[in-house]
C-alpha cells in the first residue's frame, strides 16, 4: 500500500468508542469498572474494555508509582462498535504480554506481537466485535517487513520509537507520527540503518479494520449512532444507571486521592 504521513504528537487517533483498548508498553496501570472488571497491567500487557451498554471506569498508575516516580509509556485506542452491538453487555479482557501471538520474519529482522485480530492466519488473543487487526512490531535497524493485509481493511502505522519508512515508496516516519496507508493487500515498514542511541530499534504499532460506515454521534466519552441515543446515554449516566466504580486504594471515583 502507498502511505501518507501525518503528525500525531499525543496518542493514536480515536475512532469513536463504546469499546477501547489500552496497550501498556512500560510501567504499571490499574483499572476498575462498574461491571466488576479490572486488574493491574504492566510491561507489554494490554487491557481491552468493551463498554457496550455502558459502564463507569477508573484508569490510573498505582499510588506507589506516583509517589516513587518512574517510567510510564502506553497507548490508548478507541474502537467504535457497530450499531447492532452497541448495547451488548460490557466486558473486560486482561491480556498479558506472554499471551500475545509472537511471530518473526524469515530473516529475523522483525518481531511481531499479534494482540488482536488475525495476521496471515495467526490470531491474537484479543476478542473484538469490530473486525480489526492490532500488531506491535519491533524492526531491527536496516530491516524491512512486508505483511499481508486484508483488502477490505484500512491500515495505519503509529511510530512508538525510532525512525524508518513506510509503504512501497518508503515515506519517512519518526516517533509520534502516524502513517495512513492507501488501498492494497500488504503493509511495508522499514527501519532506518541508524537509530538514536536510546532507541535501538523501530517500534511501531500496525492496526486497521473494516470500516463500519454508519452514522455517528458523539459527546465526550459517549459514542452512539443518533443524537437521540446520545441524549439517552447521557441521561443514563446522570441518573446513575451505569453503576458505581468499586473503591481502589488511594483513589476516588473522581481519580487519584488528593487531586
Protein backbone atom coordinates (compact mmCIF):
# COMPACT_ATOMS: atom_id res chain seq x y z
CA UNK A 1 0.00 0.00 0.00
CA UNK A 2 1.18 3.57 -0.58
CA UNK A 3 1.33 5.71 2.55
CA UNK A 4 0.82 9.31 3.67
CA UNK A 5 2.32 10.53 6.96
CA UNK A 6 0.67 12.96 9.35
CA UNK A 7 1.73 14.42 12.69
CA UNK A 8 0.17 12.86 15.79
CA UNK A 9 2.00 14.14 18.85
CA UNK A 10 -0.13 12.64 21.64
CA UNK A 11 -1.98 9.37 21.05
CA UNK A 12 -3.43 7.17 18.36
CA UNK A 13 -6.45 8.56 16.52
CA UNK A 14 -9.66 7.80 18.42
CA UNK A 15 -12.26 6.21 16.21
CA UNK A 16 -15.30 6.70 18.39
CA UNK A 17 -15.96 4.38 21.25
CA UNK A 18 -18.08 2.13 23.15
CA UNK A 19 -15.03 -0.14 23.02
CA UNK A 20 -11.48 0.75 23.82
CA UNK A 21 -8.15 -0.93 24.35
CA UNK A 22 -5.12 0.18 26.30
CA UNK A 23 -1.76 -1.27 25.27
CA UNK A 24 0.75 -0.80 28.08
CA UNK A 25 4.37 -0.78 26.85
CA UNK A 26 6.17 0.14 30.09
CA UNK A 27 5.05 0.94 33.64
CA UNK A 28 2.10 -0.15 35.79
CA UNK A 29 -1.58 0.68 35.34
CA UNK A 30 -4.67 -0.10 37.46
CA UNK A 31 -8.20 -0.46 36.07
CA UNK A 32 -11.55 -0.80 37.88
CA UNK A 33 -15.03 -0.59 36.38
CA UNK A 34 -18.68 -0.72 37.46
CA UNK A 35 -19.17 -4.10 35.78
CA UNK A 36 -16.66 -5.79 38.10
CA UNK A 37 -13.87 -5.86 35.54
CA UNK A 38 -10.35 -4.70 36.19
CA UNK A 39 -6.86 -5.53 37.20
CA UNK A 40 -3.26 -4.36 37.05
CA UNK A 41 -1.27 -4.46 33.84
CA UNK A 42 2.45 -3.94 33.42
CA UNK A 43 5.19 -4.12 30.79
CA UNK A 44 3.85 -5.44 27.49
CA UNK A 45 0.31 -6.12 28.78
CA UNK A 46 -2.97 -4.97 27.24
CA UNK A 47 -6.36 -4.29 28.81
CA UNK A 48 -9.34 -4.44 26.47
CA UNK A 49 -12.56 -2.95 27.80
CA UNK A 50 -15.79 -3.13 25.83
CA UNK A 51 -18.14 -0.51 27.26
CA UNK A 52 -21.16 -1.75 25.30
CA UNK A 53 -24.40 -0.68 27.00
CA UNK A 54 -22.39 1.49 29.39
CA UNK A 55 -20.20 1.45 32.47
CA UNK A 56 -18.01 3.69 34.61
CA UNK A 57 -14.28 3.05 34.99
CA UNK A 58 -11.08 4.37 36.54
CA UNK A 59 -7.66 4.05 34.93
CA UNK A 60 -4.53 5.36 36.65
CA UNK A 61 -1.00 4.40 37.67
CA UNK A 62 -0.90 2.96 41.21
CA UNK A 63 -0.22 5.29 44.13
CA UNK A 64 3.23 3.74 44.68
CA UNK A 65 4.35 4.66 41.15
CA UNK A 66 3.00 8.20 41.52
CA UNK A 67 4.96 8.62 44.78
CA UNK A 68 8.21 6.98 43.65
CA UNK A 69 8.17 8.17 40.05
CA UNK A 70 9.26 6.02 37.15
CA UNK A 71 8.72 5.13 33.51
CA UNK A 72 5.16 5.12 32.19
CA UNK A 73 4.57 4.54 28.47
CA UNK A 74 1.33 3.35 26.93
CA UNK A 75 -1.17 3.76 24.11
CA UNK A 76 -4.95 4.04 24.28
CA UNK A 77 -7.07 3.19 21.24
CA UNK A 78 -10.82 3.69 20.94
CA UNK A 79 -12.66 1.34 18.56
CA UNK A 80 -16.24 2.03 17.54
CA UNK A 81 -18.85 -0.74 17.82
CA UNK A 82 -21.36 -1.46 15.06
CA UNK A 83 -24.90 -0.26 15.86
CA UNK A 84 -26.08 -3.87 16.31
CA UNK A 85 -23.52 -4.39 19.12
CA UNK A 86 -23.65 -1.03 20.90
CA UNK A 87 -25.97 -2.30 23.65
CA UNK A 88 -24.12 -5.56 24.29
CA UNK A 89 -23.08 -6.41 27.85
CA UNK A 90 -19.83 -4.74 28.94
CA UNK A 91 -16.72 -6.92 29.05
CA UNK A 92 -13.12 -6.63 30.27
CA UNK A 93 -10.16 -8.59 28.88
CA UNK A 94 -6.80 -8.79 30.64
CA UNK A 95 -4.18 -9.73 28.02
CA UNK A 96 -0.71 -10.46 29.36
CA UNK A 97 2.39 -9.85 27.27
CA UNK A 98 3.13 -13.57 27.28
CA UNK A 99 -0.28 -14.35 25.79
CA UNK A 100 0.12 -12.44 22.53
CA UNK A 101 0.97 -14.38 19.37
CA UNK A 102 4.70 -13.92 18.64
CA UNK A 103 5.89 -14.07 15.05
CA UNK A 104 9.13 -13.22 13.28
CA UNK A 105 10.19 -12.55 9.71
CA UNK A 106 12.24 -15.22 7.88
CA UNK A 107 15.44 -13.18 8.28
CA UNK A 108 14.79 -12.48 11.96
CA UNK A 109 14.76 -8.74 11.34
CA UNK A 110 11.35 -8.09 12.91
CA UNK A 111 9.45 -9.37 15.93
CA UNK A 112 5.65 -9.18 15.57
CA UNK A 113 3.25 -9.32 18.51
CA UNK A 114 -0.32 -10.00 17.35
CA UNK A 115 -2.50 -8.52 20.11
CA UNK A 116 -5.92 -8.77 18.44
CA UNK A 117 -7.32 -9.95 15.15
CA UNK A 118 -5.54 -12.10 12.60
CA UNK A 119 -2.30 -11.76 10.64
CA UNK A 120 -1.58 -14.26 7.86
CA UNK A 121 -3.56 -16.98 9.63
CA UNK A 122 -2.16 -16.27 13.11
CA UNK A 123 -4.71 -14.99 15.64
CA UNK A 124 -4.07 -12.77 18.64
CA UNK A 125 -5.83 -13.28 21.99
CA UNK A 126 -7.92 -10.07 21.93
CA UNK A 127 -11.62 -10.68 21.20
CA UNK A 128 -13.18 -7.90 19.12
CA UNK A 129 -16.63 -7.17 17.72
CA UNK A 130 -15.45 -4.81 15.02
CA UNK A 131 -13.15 -6.81 12.70
CA UNK A 132 -9.68 -5.34 13.32
CA UNK A 133 -6.02 -6.34 13.49
CA UNK A 134 -3.62 -4.85 16.07
CA UNK A 135 0.11 -5.66 15.90
CA UNK A 136 3.13 -4.27 17.79
CA UNK A 137 6.25 -4.69 15.63
CA UNK A 138 9.91 -4.28 16.62
CA UNK A 139 12.05 -3.84 13.49
CA UNK A 140 15.84 -4.02 13.68
CA UNK A 141 17.94 -1.27 12.04
CA UNK A 142 18.03 -1.73 8.27
CA UNK A 143 15.41 -4.49 8.30
CA UNK A 144 12.22 -4.38 6.21
CA UNK A 145 8.98 -6.29 6.68
CA UNK A 146 6.01 -6.62 4.32
CA UNK A 147 2.89 -8.02 5.95
CA UNK A 148 -0.21 -9.39 4.18
CA UNK A 149 -3.24 -7.21 4.92
CA UNK A 150 -6.94 -7.69 4.23
CA UNK A 151 -8.01 -5.58 1.26
CA UNK A 152 -11.30 -4.66 2.97
CA UNK A 153 -9.36 -3.20 5.95
CA UNK A 154 -7.94 0.28 6.24
CA UNK A 155 -4.37 0.48 7.57
CA UNK A 156 -2.45 2.73 9.98
CA UNK A 157 1.03 2.71 11.47
CA UNK A 158 1.96 4.67 14.61
CA UNK A 159 5.63 5.08 15.49
CA UNK A 160 6.27 4.42 19.18
CA UNK A 161 10.05 4.87 18.95
CA UNK A 162 12.78 5.19 16.35
CA UNK A 163 12.84 6.18 12.69
CA UNK A 164 12.04 4.40 9.46
CA UNK A 165 9.93 4.40 6.32
CA UNK A 166 6.53 3.01 5.29
CA UNK A 167 4.90 1.99 2.04
CA UNK A 168 6.39 0.83 -1.23
CA UNK A 169 7.59 4.39 -1.83
CA UNK A 170 9.36 4.48 1.57
CA UNK A 171 7.78 7.58 3.08
CA UNK A 172 9.90 8.61 6.12
CA UNK A 173 8.33 8.41 9.60
CA UNK A 174 9.62 9.05 13.10
CA UNK A 175 8.43 8.81 16.70
CA UNK A 176 4.99 10.34 17.26
CA UNK A 177 3.90 10.15 13.62
CA UNK A 178 1.02 8.19 12.11
CA UNK A 179 1.14 6.74 8.59
CA UNK A 180 -2.17 6.20 6.79
CA UNK A 181 -1.95 3.52 4.11
CA UNK A 182 -3.92 3.50 0.88
CA UNK A 183 -5.72 0.57 -0.76
CA UNK A 184 -3.81 -2.67 -1.19
CA UNK A 185 -3.16 -6.14 0.18
CA UNK A 186 0.04 -5.56 2.18
CA UNK A 187 1.79 -3.14 4.55
CA UNK A 188 5.53 -2.43 4.26
CA UNK A 189 7.68 -0.99 7.07
CA UNK A 190 11.45 -0.41 7.08
CA UNK A 191 13.72 0.69 9.92
CA UNK A 192 16.50 3.22 9.26
CA UNK A 193 20.05 1.88 9.37
CA UNK A 194 20.93 4.36 12.12
CA UNK A 195 18.71 4.79 15.18
CA UNK A 196 19.11 7.04 18.21
CA UNK A 197 21.36 5.71 20.97
CA UNK A 198 18.40 5.41 23.37
CA UNK A 199 16.21 3.74 20.72
CA UNK A 200 17.94 0.64 19.31
CA UNK A 201 15.03 -0.46 17.08
CA UNK A 202 11.99 0.89 15.27
CA UNK A 203 8.95 0.26 17.49
CA UNK A 204 5.72 0.61 15.53
CA UNK A 205 2.04 -0.18 16.06
CA UNK A 206 0.23 -1.53 12.97
CA UNK A 207 -3.55 -1.53 13.02
CA UNK A 208 -6.57 -1.46 10.80
CA UNK A 209 -10.08 -2.75 10.43
CA UNK A 210 -13.16 -2.99 8.26
CA UNK A 211 -14.84 0.44 8.07
CA UNK A 212 -18.28 0.43 9.70
CA UNK A 213 -19.67 3.30 7.58
CA UNK A 214 -22.57 4.11 9.91
CA UNK A 215 -23.78 7.49 11.20
CA UNK A 216 -22.02 8.54 14.40
CA UNK A 217 -22.99 10.99 17.16
CA UNK A 218 -20.56 11.66 19.99
CA UNK A 219 -20.13 13.87 23.03
CA UNK A 220 -17.25 13.41 25.45
CA UNK A 221 -16.85 9.65 26.03
CA UNK A 222 -20.32 8.82 24.64
CA UNK A 223 -20.49 7.49 21.08
CA UNK A 224 -23.81 6.45 19.52
CA UNK A 225 -25.44 6.45 16.09
CA UNK A 226 -28.05 9.20 16.59
CA UNK A 227 -28.39 12.32 18.70
CA UNK A 228 -31.42 10.79 20.45
CA UNK A 229 -29.35 7.75 21.50
CA UNK A 230 -26.63 10.11 22.69
CA UNK A 231 -29.06 12.06 24.85
CA UNK A 232 -30.38 8.81 26.35
CA UNK A 233 -26.85 7.66 27.19
CA UNK A 234 -26.07 10.97 28.89
CA UNK A 235 -29.31 10.76 30.88
CA UNK A 236 -28.46 7.21 31.98
CA UNK A 237 -25.09 8.48 33.24
CA UNK A 238 -26.60 11.45 35.10
CA UNK A 239 -29.20 9.25 36.81
CA UNK A 240 -26.63 6.68 37.96
CA UNK A 241 -27.84 3.85 35.74
CA UNK A 242 -24.26 2.96 34.77
CA UNK A 243 -23.48 1.84 38.32
CA UNK A 244 -20.58 2.82 40.58
CA UNK A 245 -16.89 2.07 40.43
CA UNK A 246 -15.56 -0.15 43.26
CA UNK A 247 -13.16 1.61 45.65
CA UNK A 248 -9.47 1.36 44.84
CA UNK A 249 -6.77 2.09 47.43
CA UNK A 250 -5.65 5.69 47.10
CA UNK A 251 -8.35 6.53 44.55
CA UNK A 252 -11.84 8.01 44.44
CA UNK A 253 -14.48 7.97 41.71
CA UNK A 254 -13.01 11.28 40.53
CA UNK A 255 -9.48 9.85 40.24
CA UNK A 256 -6.41 9.58 42.49
CA UNK A 257 -6.98 10.89 46.02
CA UNK A 258 -5.70 14.41 46.62
CA UNK A 259 -6.41 15.67 43.08
